[in-house]
Amino acid sequence: MMPLRSKATTIQDVATLAGVSPATVSKVLNHAPHVRGSTRERVLEAVQKLNFRPNRIARSLKAKRTLTIGVVSDDPEGLFTIPMLRGVEDAVSPHGFSVFMSTSHGDMARERALLEVFLDKQVDGLILMSGYRVRARGAPALPLNDVPVVYLYQYTSDVAVPCVIPDDKGGAQLGVRHLIEAGRRRIGMISGTRDYEATIQRLDGYREALHAAGIAFNPLLVCEGDWHEASAYALAHELMAMPEPPDALFCGTDSMAVGALDALHERKLRVPEDVAVLGFDNRIFAPYQRPPLTTVALPFYEMGQRAGQLLLAAIRGDAPTPAIHREPCYLVERQSSRVSA
């Protein structure tokens, strides 16, 4: 004979153990405000002791929501996809929402097919995310009707939706100001390719930081690389061979900063005593360079959080203003720019 299944734990069981009403248990499980902290703790402890699993379908029907969010990324292997997705999840999961992601590989026909699937599943909201670069793009590949959408790490002027991107210009200003405050006056820049919007924004920030400090912009100190170590290695050699070489190098990515460091070591120049080096991105390898690399961090996790918060507000009917939200970058200071007193 098949063993009889034990009776499922109910919300009444949780209420009895916690010494509260079923309505209070429901409020706690639905993250409602105005529940005393001690009461909330008792309810959650009872939920854990009884291994209570709320009926998600029933909750969804009552709320007239599926408590799900769909994310369509154009590049799931991008370096920045995971921290952005983690930020989204941390913003929405405390409110009972689950996040499901798929990838279009940058193919609009595939994006359309994925959006059809998500709409068939009746997701409560959508995030369209670029996984590797800030870029302008058009409207979603499929009309979304009343389903709210947020753009993440990309933006559009074709539809009125919130868009979340990093403040690359502000990040460059922050980094160059740091070098100037460290006493550097002849700051070279090894940028990425000009077809990337981030390159233009960072170059603008570099120029504005110099101008604010009363330092004249010198185009001879700016070189265009291709985002990779080898190009920055060669360009750093060129810059340091100038009659008046730079006393600092601002590199458009941490990868390029690694190439610049190799060139400086090869020329027997001390970092940071002779030349300070600054990267951009805060990649995982930055702390392990010789010396550890100072860098401007892109706020991917915070961008994901902001996108999740904006989408939650839209789902609840408090539609955020359609605009480009620029999340500030922050400086991670390490030894490559720091000279001991």
C-alpha atoms as a PDB file:
ATOM      1  CA  MET A   1       0.000   0.000   0.000  1.00  0.00           C
ATOM      2  CA  MET A   2       1.044   3.568  -0.679  1.00  0.00           C
ATOM      3  CA  PRO A   3       1.687   5.447   2.586  1.00  0.00           C
ATOM      4  CA  LEU A   4      -0.879   8.107   3.359  1.00  0.00           C
ATOM      5  CA  ARG A   5       0.321  11.641   2.766  1.00  0.00           C
ATOM      6  CA  SER A   6       0.502  13.742   5.897  1.00  0.00           C
ATOM      7  CA  LYS A   7      -1.924  16.590   6.109  1.00  0.00           C
ATOM      8  CA  ALA A   8      -0.565  19.773   4.533  1.00  0.00           C
ATOM      9  CA  THR A   9       0.289  22.608   6.889  1.00  0.00           C
ATOM     10  CA  THR A  10      -2.193  25.454   6.623  1.00  0.00           C
ATOM     11  CA  ILE A  11      -2.039  29.155   7.340  1.00  0.00           C
ATOM     12  CA  GLN A  12      -4.246  28.467  10.376  1.00  0.00           C
ATOM     13  CA  ASP A  13      -1.553  26.130  11.761  1.00  0.00           C
ATOM     14  CA  VAL A  14       1.026  28.883  11.424  1.00  0.00           C
ATOM     15  CA  ALA A  15      -1.321  31.407  13.054  1.00  0.00           C
ATOM     16  CA  THR A  16      -1.998  29.080  16.010  1.00  0.00           C
ATOM     17  CA  LEU A  17       1.700  28.419  16.640  1.00  0.00           C
ATOM     18  CA  ALA A  18       2.589  32.122  16.347  1.00  0.00           C
ATOM     19  CA  GLY A  19      -0.382  33.212  18.481  1.00  0.00           C
ATOM     20  CA  VAL A  20      -1.774  35.561  15.839  1.00  0.00           C
ATOM     21  CA  SER A  21      -4.668  35.626  13.401  1.00  0.00           C
ATOM     22  CA  PRO A  22      -4.496  34.098   9.891  1.00  0.00           C
ATOM     23  CA  ALA A  23      -4.875  37.646   8.551  1.00  0.00           C
ATOM     24  CA  THR A  24      -1.662  38.681  10.318  1.00  0.00           C
ATOM     25  CA  VAL A  25       0.178  35.671   8.874  1.00  0.00           C
ATOM     26  CA  SER A  26      -1.036  36.706   5.436  1.00  0.00           C
ATOM     27  CA  LYS A  27       0.234  40.246   5.964  1.00  0.00           C
ATOM     28  CA  VAL A  28       3.678  38.969   6.949  1.00  0.00           C
ATOM     29  CA  LEU A  29       3.883  36.584   3.980  1.00  0.00           C
ATOM     30  CA  ASN A  30       2.845  39.353   1.611  1.00  0.00           C
ATOM     31  CA  HIS A  31       5.399  41.806   3.051  1.00  0.00           C
ATOM     32  CA  ALA A  32       2.691  44.217   4.160  1.00  0.00           C
ATOM     33  CA  PRO A  33       3.778  47.211   6.250  1.00  0.00           C
ATOM     34  CA  HIS A  34       2.516  48.081   9.718  1.00  0.00           C
ATOM     35  CA  VAL A  35       3.285  44.690  11.302  1.00  0.00           C
ATOM     36  CA  ARG A  36       5.267  44.864  14.527  1.00  0.00           C
ATOM     37  CA  GLY A  37       8.801  43.497  14.267  1.00  0.00           C
ATOM     38  CA  SER A  38       8.321  41.041  17.117  1.00  0.00           C
ATOM     39  CA  THR A  39       5.095  39.747  15.538  1.00  0.00           C
ATOM     40  CA  ARG A  40       6.770  39.362  12.165  1.00  0.00           C
ATOM     41  CA  GLU A  41       9.605  37.376  13.778  1.00  0.00           C
ATOM     42  CA  ARG A  42       7.146  35.026  15.540  1.00  0.00           C
ATOM     43  CA  VAL A  43       5.271  34.369  12.303  1.00  0.00           C
ATOM     44  CA  LEU A  44       8.447  33.699  10.304  1.00  0.00           C
ATOM     45  CA  GLU A  45       9.729  31.394  13.051  1.00  0.00           C
ATOM     46  CA  ALA A  46       6.441  29.453  12.931  1.00  0.00           C
ATOM     47  CA  VAL A  47       6.638  29.253   9.135  1.00  0.00           C
ATOM     48  CA  GLN A  48      10.130  27.773   9.426  1.00  0.00           C
ATOM     49  CA  LYS A  49       9.224  25.296  12.190  1.00  0.00           C
ATOM     50  CA  LEU A  50       6.201  24.003  10.297  1.00  0.00           C
ATOM     51  CA  ASN A  51       7.978  24.097   6.911  1.00  0.00           C
ATOM     52  CA  PHE A  52       4.974  26.001   5.615  1.00  0.00           C
ATOM     53  CA  ARG A  53       4.887  26.692   1.871  1.00  0.00           C
ATOM     54  CA  PRO A  54       2.254  29.252   0.832  1.00  0.00           C
ATOM     55  CA  ASN A  55       0.063  28.344  -2.110  1.00  0.00           C
ATOM     56  CA  ARG A  56       1.687  30.580  -4.691  1.00  0.00           C
ATOM     57  CA  ILE A  57      -1.065  30.066  -7.249  1.00  0.00           C
ATOM     58  CA  ALA A  58      -3.744  31.066  -4.768  1.00  0.00           C
ATOM     59  CA  ARG A  59      -1.775  34.121  -3.742  1.00  0.00           C
ATOM     60  CA  SER A  60      -1.305  35.087  -7.386  1.00  0.00           C
ATOM     61  CA  LEU A  61      -5.010  34.747  -8.110  1.00  0.00           C
ATOM     62  CA  LYS A  62      -5.902  36.856  -5.103  1.00  0.00           C
ATOM     63  CA  ALA A  63      -3.430  39.572  -6.066  1.00  0.00           C
ATOM     64  CA  LYS A  64      -4.338  39.261  -9.773  1.00  0.00           C
ATOM     65  CA  ARG A  65      -0.632  38.865 -10.478  1.00  0.00           C
ATOM     66  CA  THR A  66       1.723  36.010 -11.310  1.00  0.00           C
ATOM     67  CA  LEU A  67       4.501  37.515  -9.177  1.00  0.00           C
ATOM     68  CA  THR A  68       6.947  36.908 -12.017  1.00  0.00           C
ATOM     69  CA  ILE A  69       9.267  39.173 -13.981  1.00  0.00           C
ATOM     70  CA  GLY A  70      10.798  38.335 -17.336  1.00  0.00           C
ATOM     71  CA  VAL A  71      14.277  39.511 -18.359  1.00  0.00           C
ATOM     72  CA  VAL A  72      15.449  39.389 -21.961  1.00  0.00           C
ATOM     73  CA  SER A  73      19.203  39.879 -22.321  1.00  0.00           C
ATOM     74  CA  ASP A  74      21.037  40.187 -25.620  1.00  0.00           C
ATOM     75  CA  ASP A  75      24.146  38.496 -24.209  1.00  0.00           C
ATOM     76  CA  PRO A  76      23.973  36.052 -21.275  1.00  0.00           C
ATOM     77  CA  GLU A  77      27.744  35.510 -21.357  1.00  0.00           C
ATOM     78  CA  GLY A  78      28.486  39.220 -20.961  1.00  0.00           C
ATOM     79  CA  LEU A  79      30.783  40.135 -18.125  1.00  0.00           C
ATOM     80  CA  PHE A  80      28.151  42.317 -16.549  1.00  0.00           C
ATOM     81  CA  THR A  81      24.939  40.298 -16.884  1.00  0.00           C
ATOM     82  CA  ILE A  82      25.153  38.407 -13.585  1.00  0.00           C
ATOM     83  CA  PRO A  83      25.697  41.382 -11.216  1.00  0.00           C
ATOM     84  CA  MET A  84      22.850  43.287 -12.903  1.00  0.00           C
ATOM     85  CA  LEU A  85      20.543  40.274 -12.627  1.00  0.00           C
ATOM     86  CA  ARG A  86      21.499  39.844  -8.962  1.00  0.00           C
ATOM     87  CA  GLY A  87      20.557  43.470  -8.344  1.00  0.00           C
ATOM     88  CA  VAL A  88      17.168  42.959 -10.003  1.00  0.00           C
ATOM     89  CA  GLU A  89      16.493  39.845  -7.939  1.00  0.00           C
ATOM     90  CA  ASP A  90      17.505  41.493  -4.670  1.00  0.00           C
ATOM     91  CA  ALA A  91      15.144  44.385  -5.415  1.00  0.00           C
ATOM     92  CA  VAL A  92      12.076  42.284  -6.250  1.00  0.00           C
ATOM     93  CA  SER A  93      12.397  38.986  -4.366  1.00  0.00           C
ATOM     94  CA  PRO A  94      11.627  40.506  -0.910  1.00  0.00           C
ATOM     95  CA  HIS A  95       8.262  41.456  -2.430  1.00  0.00           C
ATOM     96  CA  GLY A  96       7.486  37.911  -3.499  1.00  0.00           C
ATOM     97  CA  PHE A  97       8.530  38.178  -7.157  1.00  0.00           C
ATOM     98  CA  SER A  98      10.576  35.619  -9.070  1.00  0.00           C
ATOM     99  CA  VAL A  99      12.822  36.517 -12.014  1.00  0.00           C
ATOM    100  CA  PHE A 100      13.195  34.472 -15.191  1.00  0.00           C
ATOM    101  CA  MET A 101      15.816  35.320 -17.812  1.00  0.00           C
ATOM    102  CA  SER A 102      16.323  34.271 -21.403  1.00  0.00           C
ATOM    103  CA  THR A 103      18.541  35.559 -24.183  1.00  0.00           C
ATOM    104  CA  SER A 104      17.883  36.926 -27.616  1.00  0.00           C
ATOM    105  CA  HIS A 105      21.560  36.896 -28.673  1.00  0.00           C
ATOM    106  CA  GLY A 106      20.815  40.319 -30.147  1.00  0.00           C
ATOM    107  CA  ASP A 107      18.363  38.827 -32.667  1.00  0.00           C
ATOM    108  CA  MET A 108      15.099  40.809 -32.860  1.00  0.00           C
ATOM    109  CA  ALA A 109      13.143  37.819 -34.207  1.00  0.00           C
ATOM    110  CA  ARG A 110      14.258  35.788 -31.205  1.00  0.00           C
ATOM    111  CA  GLU A 111      13.419  38.698 -28.887  1.00  0.00           C
ATOM    112  CA  ARG A 112       9.921  38.754 -30.353  1.00  0.00           C
ATOM    113  CA  ALA A 113       9.519  35.010 -29.754  1.00  0.00           C
ATOM    114  CA  LEU A 114      10.739  35.325 -26.155  1.00  0.00           C
ATOM    115  CA  LEU A 115       8.422  38.237 -25.459  1.00  0.00           C
ATOM    116  CA  GLU A 116       5.505  36.166 -26.789  1.00  0.00           C
ATOM    117  CA  VAL A 117       6.413  33.396 -24.337  1.00  0.00           C
ATOM    118  CA  PHE A 118       6.664  35.799 -21.413  1.00  0.00           C
ATOM    119  CA  LEU A 119       3.363  37.445 -22.308  1.00  0.00           C
ATOM    120  CA  ASP A 120       1.717  34.006 -22.602  1.00  0.00           C
ATOM    121  CA  LYS A 121       3.033  33.267 -19.103  1.00  0.00           C
ATOM    122  CA  GLN A 122       1.436  36.553 -17.979  1.00  0.00           C
ATOM    123  CA  VAL A 123       4.542  38.013 -16.370  1.00  0.00           C
ATOM    124  CA  ASP A 124       3.857  41.159 -14.389  1.00  0.00           C
ATOM    125  CA  GLY A 125       6.718  43.128 -15.917  1.00  0.00           C
ATOM    126  CA  LEU A 126       9.685  42.937 -18.271  1.00  0.00           C
ATOM    127  CA  ILE A 127      13.284  44.124 -18.309  1.00  0.00           C
ATOM    128  CA  LEU A 128      15.143  44.411 -21.617  1.00  0.00           C
ATOM    129  CA  MET A 129      18.834  44.240 -20.784  1.00  0.00           C
ATOM    130  CA  SER A 130      22.055  44.679 -22.723  1.00  0.00           C
ATOM    131  CA  GLY A 131      24.743  42.407 -21.361  1.00  0.00           C
ATOM    132  CA  TYR A 132      27.879  44.059 -22.665  1.00  0.00           C
ATOM    133  CA  ARG A 133      27.580  47.766 -23.607  1.00  0.00           C
ATOM    134  CA  VAL A 134      25.460  50.883 -23.257  1.00  0.00           C
ATOM    135  CA  ARG A 135      23.627  51.496 -26.499  1.00  0.00           C
ATOM    136  CA  ALA A 136      20.567  53.105 -27.995  1.00  0.00           C
ATOM    137  CA  ARG A 137      17.956  50.726 -29.331  1.00  0.00           C
ATOM    138  CA  GLY A 138      14.411  50.764 -30.631  1.00  0.00           C
ATOM    139  CA  ALA A 139      11.095  49.696 -29.177  1.00  0.00           C
ATOM    140  CA  PRO A 140      10.537  46.131 -27.951  1.00  0.00           C
ATOM    141  CA  ALA A 141      10.238  43.620 -30.784  1.00  0.00           C
ATOM    142  CA  LEU A 142       6.597  43.042 -29.819  1.00  0.00           C
ATOM    143  CA  PRO A 143       3.884  45.422 -28.544  1.00  0.00           C
ATOM    144  CA  LEU A 144       3.606  44.805 -24.805  1.00  0.00           C
ATOM    145  CA  ASN A 145       0.162  46.355 -24.298  1.00  0.00           C
ATOM    146  CA  ASP A 146      -0.134  47.247 -20.606  1.00  0.00           C
ATOM    147  CA  VAL A 147       2.807  45.172 -19.352  1.00  0.00           C
ATOM    148  CA  PRO A 148       5.378  47.595 -17.869  1.00  0.00           C
ATOM    149  CA  VAL A 149       8.940  47.454 -19.153  1.00  0.00           C
ATOM    150  CA  VAL A 150      12.283  48.914 -18.062  1.00  0.00           C
ATOM    151  CA  TYR A 151      15.437  49.119 -20.174  1.00  0.00           C
ATOM    152  CA  LEU A 152      18.697  48.174 -18.414  1.00  0.00           C
ATOM    153  CA  TYR A 153      22.198  49.059 -19.668  1.00  0.00           C
ATOM    154  CA  GLN A 154      20.569  50.435 -22.810  1.00  0.00           C
ATOM    155  CA  TYR A 155      18.079  53.160 -23.634  1.00  0.00           C
ATOM    156  CA  THR A 156      15.512  54.206 -26.200  1.00  0.00           C
ATOM    157  CA  SER A 157      13.685  57.268 -27.433  1.00  0.00           C
ATOM    158  CA  ASP A 158      11.168  55.229 -29.431  1.00  0.00           C
ATOM    159  CA  VAL A 159       8.928  54.398 -26.466  1.00  0.00           C
ATOM    160  CA  ALA A 160       8.317  56.202 -23.170  1.00  0.00           C
ATOM    161  CA  VAL A 161       9.928  53.864 -20.627  1.00  0.00           C
ATOM    162  CA  PRO A 162      12.436  54.201 -17.772  1.00  0.00           C
ATOM    163  CA  CYS A 163      16.016  53.364 -18.809  1.00  0.00           C
ATOM    164  CA  VAL A 164      18.897  52.659 -16.404  1.00  0.00           C
ATOM    165  CA  ILE A 165      22.517  53.167 -17.492  1.00  0.00           C
ATOM    166  CA  PRO A 166      25.807  54.007 -15.740  1.00  0.00           C
ATOM    167  CA  ASP A 167      27.061  57.571 -15.462  1.00  0.00           C
ATOM    168  CA  ASP A 168      30.229  56.992 -17.524  1.00  0.00           C
ATOM    169  CA  LYS A 169      30.955  60.699 -17.803  1.00  0.00           C
ATOM    170  CA  GLY A 170      30.656  61.226 -14.056  1.00  0.00           C
ATOM    171  CA  GLY A 171      32.823  58.154 -13.468  1.00  0.00           C
ATOM    172  CA  ALA A 172      35.602  59.572 -15.650  1.00  0.00           C
ATOM    173  CA  GLN A 173      35.394  62.912 -13.856  1.00  0.00           C
ATOM    174  CA  LEU A 174      35.652  61.105 -10.523  1.00  0.00           C
ATOM    175  CA  GLY A 175      38.730  59.154 -11.593  1.00  0.00           C
ATOM    176  CA  VAL A 176      40.584  62.064 -13.178  1.00  0.00           C
ATOM    177  CA  ARG A 177      39.836  64.292 -10.177  1.00  0.00           C
ATOM    178  CA  HIS A 178      41.404  61.597  -8.000  1.00  0.00           C
ATOM    179  CA  LEU A 179      44.589  61.692 -10.098  1.00  0.00           C
ATOM    180  CA  ILE A 180      44.698  65.486  -9.982  1.00  0.00           C
ATOM    181  CA  GLU A 181      44.228  65.463  -6.202  1.00  0.00           C
ATOM    182  CA  ALA A 182      47.171  63.048  -6.033  1.00  0.00           C
ATOM    183  CA  GLY A 183      49.312  65.749  -7.670  1.00  0.00           C
ATOM    184  CA  ARG A 184      49.205  64.571 -11.292  1.00  0.00           C
ATOM    185  CA  ARG A 185      49.079  67.289 -13.930  1.00  0.00           C
ATOM    186  CA  ARG A 186      50.000  65.598 -17.204  1.00  0.00           C
ATOM    187  CA  ILE A 187      47.389  62.860 -17.460  1.00  0.00           C
ATOM    188  CA  GLY A 188      47.311  60.644 -20.525  1.00  0.00           C
ATOM    189  CA  MET A 189      44.186  58.764 -21.611  1.00  0.00           C
ATOM    190  CA  ILE A 190      44.050  55.423 -23.417  1.00  0.00           C
ATOM    191  CA  SER A 191      40.429  55.148 -24.511  1.00  0.00           C
ATOM    192  CA  GLY A 192      38.351  52.447 -26.111  1.00  0.00           C
ATOM    193  CA  THR A 193      37.042  52.687 -29.660  1.00  0.00           C
ATOM    194  CA  ARG A 194      34.978  55.752 -30.550  1.00  0.00           C
ATOM    195  CA  ASP A 195      32.031  53.687 -31.794  1.00  0.00           C
ATOM    196  CA  TYR A 196      31.164  52.935 -28.157  1.00  0.00           C
ATOM    197  CA  GLU A 197      29.086  55.549 -26.379  1.00  0.00           C
ATOM    198  CA  ALA A 198      31.013  54.863 -23.169  1.00  0.00           C
ATOM    199  CA  THR A 199      34.209  56.037 -24.873  1.00  0.00           C
ATOM    200  CA  ILE A 200      32.685  59.404 -25.792  1.00  0.00           C
ATOM    201  CA  GLN A 201      31.181  59.863 -22.325  1.00  0.00           C
ATOM    202  CA  ARG A 202      34.450  59.018 -20.573  1.00  0.00           C
ATOM    203  CA  LEU A 203      36.458  61.294 -22.850  1.00  0.00           C
ATOM    204  CA  ASP A 204      34.029  64.145 -22.087  1.00  0.00           C
ATOM    205  CA  GLY A 205      34.414  63.477 -18.356  1.00  0.00           C
ATOM    206  CA  TYR A 206      38.221  63.461 -18.700  1.00  0.00           C
ATOM    207  CA  ARG A 207      38.199  66.824 -20.500  1.00  0.00           C
ATOM    208  CA  GLU A 208      35.764  68.408 -18.037  1.00  0.00           C
ATOM    209  CA  ALA A 209      37.785  67.270 -15.016  1.00  0.00           C
ATOM    210  CA  LEU A 210      40.944  68.779 -16.538  1.00  0.00           C
ATOM    211  CA  HIS A 211      39.136  72.027 -17.344  1.00  0.00           C
ATOM    212  CA  ALA A 212      37.714  72.294 -13.823  1.00  0.00           C
ATOM    213  CA  ALA A 213      41.272  71.989 -12.443  1.00  0.00           C
ATOM    214  CA  GLY A 214      42.658  74.613 -14.820  1.00  0.00           C
ATOM    215  CA  ILE A 215      44.641  72.055 -16.850  1.00  0.00           C
ATOM    216  CA  ALA A 216      44.651  72.547 -20.611  1.00  0.00           C
ATOM    217  CA  PHE A 217      43.437  69.632 -22.705  1.00  0.00           C
ATOM    218  CA  ASN A 218      46.256  68.207 -24.852  1.00  0.00           C
ATOM    219  CA  PRO A 219      45.011  65.962 -27.676  1.00  0.00           C
ATOM    220  CA  LEU A 220      48.500  64.433 -27.989  1.00  0.00           C
ATOM    221  CA  LEU A 221      47.937  62.781 -24.616  1.00  0.00           C
ATOM    222  CA  VAL A 222      44.812  60.926 -25.800  1.00  0.00           C
ATOM    223  CA  CYS A 223      45.153  57.623 -27.682  1.00  0.00           C
ATOM    224  CA  GLU A 224      42.434  55.322 -28.984  1.00  0.00           C
ATOM    225  CA  GLY A 225      42.835  51.639 -28.172  1.00  0.00           C
ATOM    226  CA  ASP A 226      40.626  48.652 -28.934  1.00  0.00           C
ATOM    227  CA  TRP A 227      39.646  47.741 -25.345  1.00  0.00           C
ATOM    228  CA  HIS A 228      42.316  45.026 -25.108  1.00  0.00           C
ATOM    229  CA  GLU A 229      45.672  44.705 -23.333  1.00  0.00           C
ATOM    230  CA  ALA A 230      47.877  44.551 -26.424  1.00  0.00           C
ATOM    231  CA  SER A 231      46.715  47.879 -27.835  1.00  0.00           C
ATOM    232  CA  ALA A 232      47.138  49.640 -24.482  1.00  0.00           C
ATOM    233  CA  TYR A 233      50.595  48.109 -24.077  1.00  0.00           C
ATOM    234  CA  ALA A 234      51.701  49.605 -27.408  1.00  0.00           C
ATOM    235  CA  LEU A 235      50.029  52.971 -26.776  1.00  0.00           C
ATOM    236  CA  ALA A 236      51.526  53.276 -23.291  1.00  0.00           C
ATOM    237  CA  HIS A 237      54.974  52.802 -24.828  1.00  0.00           C
ATOM    238  CA  GLU A 238      54.185  55.594 -27.338  1.00  0.00           C
ATOM    239  CA  LEU A 239      52.985  57.981 -24.649  1.00  0.00           C
ATOM    240  CA  MET A 240      55.963  57.345 -22.382  1.00  0.00           C
ATOM    241  CA  ALA A 241      58.369  57.945 -25.304  1.00  0.00           C
ATOM    242  CA  MET A 242      57.135  61.552 -25.658  1.00  0.00           C
ATOM    243  CA  PRO A 243      59.614  64.315 -24.784  1.00  0.00           C
ATOM    244  CA  GLU A 244      57.282  65.220 -21.914  1.00  0.00           C
ATOM    245  CA  PRO A 245      55.633  61.932 -20.959  1.00  0.00           C
ATOM    246  CA  PRO A 246      52.507  61.664 -18.799  1.00  0.00           C
ATOM    247  CA  ASP A 247      52.744  61.338 -15.034  1.00  0.00           C
ATOM    248  CA  ALA A 248      49.462  59.370 -14.989  1.00  0.00           C
ATOM    249  CA  LEU A 249      47.540  57.115 -17.366  1.00  0.00           C
ATOM    250  CA  PHE A 250      43.748  56.907 -17.339  1.00  0.00           C
ATOM    251  CA  CYS A 251      42.736  53.724 -19.167  1.00  0.00           C
ATOM    252  CA  GLY A 252      39.256  53.100 -20.566  1.00  0.00           C
ATOM    253  CA  THR A 253      39.074  49.589 -19.106  1.00  0.00           C
ATOM    254  CA  ASP A 254      40.902  47.529 -16.519  1.00  0.00           C
ATOM    255  CA  SER A 255      42.106  45.204 -19.296  1.00  0.00           C
ATOM    256  CA  MET A 256      43.815  48.128 -21.014  1.00  0.00           C
ATOM    257  CA  ALA A 257      45.262  49.235 -17.684  1.00  0.00           C
ATOM    258  CA  VAL A 258      46.910  45.807 -17.384  1.00  0.00           C
ATOM    259  CA  GLY A 259      48.570  46.331 -20.783  1.00  0.00           C
ATOM    260  CA  ALA A 260      49.711  49.812 -19.709  1.00  0.00           C
ATOM    261  CA  LEU A 261      51.185  48.412 -16.486  1.00  0.00           C
ATOM    262  CA  ASP A 262      53.168  45.852 -18.491  1.00  0.00           C
ATOM    263  CA  ALA A 263      54.636  48.624 -20.659  1.00  0.00           C
ATOM    264  CA  LEU A 264      55.556  50.748 -17.639  1.00  0.00           C
ATOM    265  CA  HIS A 265      57.255  47.808 -15.907  1.00  0.00           C
ATOM    266  CA  GLU A 266      59.162  47.074 -19.104  1.00  0.00           C
ATOM    267  CA  ARG A 267      60.402  50.673 -19.172  1.00  0.00           C
ATOM    268  CA  LYS A 268      61.554  50.349 -15.547  1.00  0.00           C
ATOM    269  CA  LEU A 269      59.096  53.013 -14.415  1.00  0.00           C
ATOM    270  CA  ARG A 270      57.693  52.803 -10.891  1.00  0.00           C
ATOM    271  CA  VAL A 271      53.947  52.707 -10.348  1.00  0.00           C
ATOM    272  CA  PRO A 272      52.689  54.929  -8.824  1.00  0.00           C
ATOM    273  CA  GLU A 273      55.845  56.888  -7.896  1.00  0.00           C
ATOM    274  CA  ASP A 274      56.753  57.751 -11.520  1.00  0.00           C
ATOM    275  CA  VAL A 275      53.408  57.141 -13.224  1.00  0.00           C
ATOM    276  CA  ALA A 276      49.992  56.580 -11.636  1.00  0.00           C
ATOM    277  CA  VAL A 277      47.582  54.210 -13.407  1.00  0.00           C
ATOM    278  CA  LEU A 278      43.787  54.248 -13.286  1.00  0.00           C
ATOM    279  CA  GLY A 279      41.441  51.695 -14.847  1.00  0.00           C
ATOM    280  CA  PHE A 280      37.695  51.533 -15.394  1.00  0.00           C
ATOM    281  CA  ASP A 281      35.205  48.697 -14.644  1.00  0.00           C
ATOM    282  CA  ASN A 282      36.579  47.163 -11.394  1.00  0.00           C
ATOM    283  CA  ARG A 283      37.068  43.736 -12.927  1.00  0.00           C
ATOM    284  CA  ILE A 284      37.779  40.757 -10.705  1.00  0.00           C
ATOM    285  CA  PHE A 285      41.486  40.749 -11.560  1.00  0.00           C
ATOM    286  CA  ALA A 286      42.095  44.424 -10.664  1.00  0.00           C
ATOM    287  CA  PRO A 287      43.211  43.817  -7.025  1.00  0.00           C
ATOM    288  CA  TYR A 288      45.787  41.233  -8.168  1.00  0.00           C
ATOM    289  CA  GLN A 289      47.898  43.436 -10.439  1.00  0.00           C
ATOM    290  CA  ARG A 290      51.384  44.696  -9.538  1.00  0.00           C
ATOM    291  CA  PRO A 291      50.583  47.049  -7.873  1.00  0.00           C
ATOM    292  CA  PRO A 292      46.845  46.546  -7.204  1.00  0.00           C
ATOM    293  CA  LEU A 293      44.886  48.641  -9.679  1.00  0.00           C
ATOM    294  CA  THR A 294      42.898  51.738  -8.754  1.00  0.00           C
ATOM    295  CA  THR A 295      39.749  51.762 -10.869  1.00  0.00           C
ATOM    296  CA  VAL A 296      36.385  53.396 -11.418  1.00  0.00           C
ATOM    297  CA  ALA A 297      33.724  50.787 -10.688  1.00  0.00           C
ATOM    298  CA  LEU A 298      30.692  50.430 -12.918  1.00  0.00           C
ATOM    299  CA  PRO A 299      27.613  50.117 -10.679  1.00  0.00           C
ATOM    300  CA  PHE A 300      26.094  47.024 -12.280  1.00  0.00           C
ATOM    301  CA  TYR A 301      24.499  45.657  -9.115  1.00  0.00           C
ATOM    302  CA  GLU A 302      23.059  49.070  -8.246  1.00  0.00           C
ATOM    303  CA  MET A 303      21.757  49.488 -11.803  1.00  0.00           C
ATOM    304  CA  GLY A 304      19.967  46.158 -11.514  1.00  0.00           C
ATOM    305  CA  GLN A 305      18.474  47.224  -8.194  1.00  0.00           C
ATOM    306  CA  ARG A 306      17.273  50.511  -9.671  1.00  0.00           C
ATOM    307  CA  ALA A 307      15.686  48.718 -12.638  1.00  0.00           C
ATOM    308  CA  GLY A 308      13.925  46.294 -10.293  1.00  0.00           C
ATOM    309  CA  GLN A 309      12.636  49.125  -8.106  1.00  0.00           C
ATOM    310  CA  LEU A 310      11.352  51.087 -11.105  1.00  0.00           C
ATOM    311  CA  LEU A 311       9.599  48.020 -12.458  1.00  0.00           C
ATOM    312  CA  LEU A 312       7.996  47.232  -9.090  1.00  0.00           C
ATOM    313  CA  ALA A 313       6.654  50.780  -8.920  1.00  0.00           C
ATOM    314  CA  ALA A 314       5.186  50.450 -12.409  1.00  0.00           C
ATOM    315  CA  ILE A 315       3.597  47.077 -11.588  1.00  0.00           C
ATOM    316  CA  ARG A 316       1.924  48.639  -8.544  1.00  0.00           C
ATOM    317  CA  GLY A 317       0.487  51.418 -10.657  1.00  0.00           C
ATOM    318  CA  ASP A 318       2.910  54.113  -9.577  1.00  0.00           C
ATOM    319  CA  ALA A 319       4.386  54.525 -13.039  1.00  0.00           C
ATOM    320  CA  PRO A 320       7.856  56.124 -12.891  1.00  0.00           C
ATOM    321  CA  THR A 321       8.630  59.041 -15.163  1.00  0.00           C
ATOM    322  CA  PRO A 322      10.015  57.815 -18.507  1.00  0.00           C
ATOM    323  CA  ALA A 323      13.597  59.010 -18.372  1.00  0.00           C
ATOM    324  CA  ILE A 324      17.212  57.927 -18.506  1.00  0.00           C
ATOM    325  CA  HIS A 325      18.376  57.163 -14.972  1.00  0.00           C
ATOM    326  CA  ARG A 326      22.174  57.394 -14.698  1.00  0.00           C
ATOM    327  CA  GLU A 327      23.554  55.392 -11.795  1.00  0.00           C
ATOM    328  CA  PRO A 328      26.737  56.949 -10.329  1.00  0.00           C
ATOM    329  CA  CYS A 329      30.047  55.122 -10.624  1.00  0.00           C
ATOM    330  CA  TYR A 330      32.388  54.964  -7.635  1.00  0.00           C
ATOM    331  CA  LEU A 331      36.133  54.948  -7.122  1.00  0.00           C
ATOM    332  CA  VAL A 332      37.989  51.914  -5.769  1.00  0.00           C
ATOM    333  CA  GLU A 333      41.352  53.259  -4.657  1.00  0.00           C
ATOM    334  CA  ARG A 334      44.298  50.856  -4.607  1.00  0.00           C
ATOM    335  CA  GLN A 335      48.082  51.171  -4.789  1.00  0.00           C
ATOM    336  CA  SER A 336      48.478  52.024  -8.503  1.00  0.00           C
ATOM    337  CA  SER A 337      47.536  55.661  -7.824  1.00  0.00           C
ATOM    338  CA  ARG A 338      48.499  56.025  -4.182  1.00  0.00           C
ATOM    339  CA  VAL A 339      51.868  57.440  -3.159  1.00  0.00           C
ATOM    340  CA  SER A 340      52.737  57.015   0.508  1.00  0.00           C
ATOM    341  CA  ALA A 341      53.526  60.263   2.328  1.00  0.00           C
END
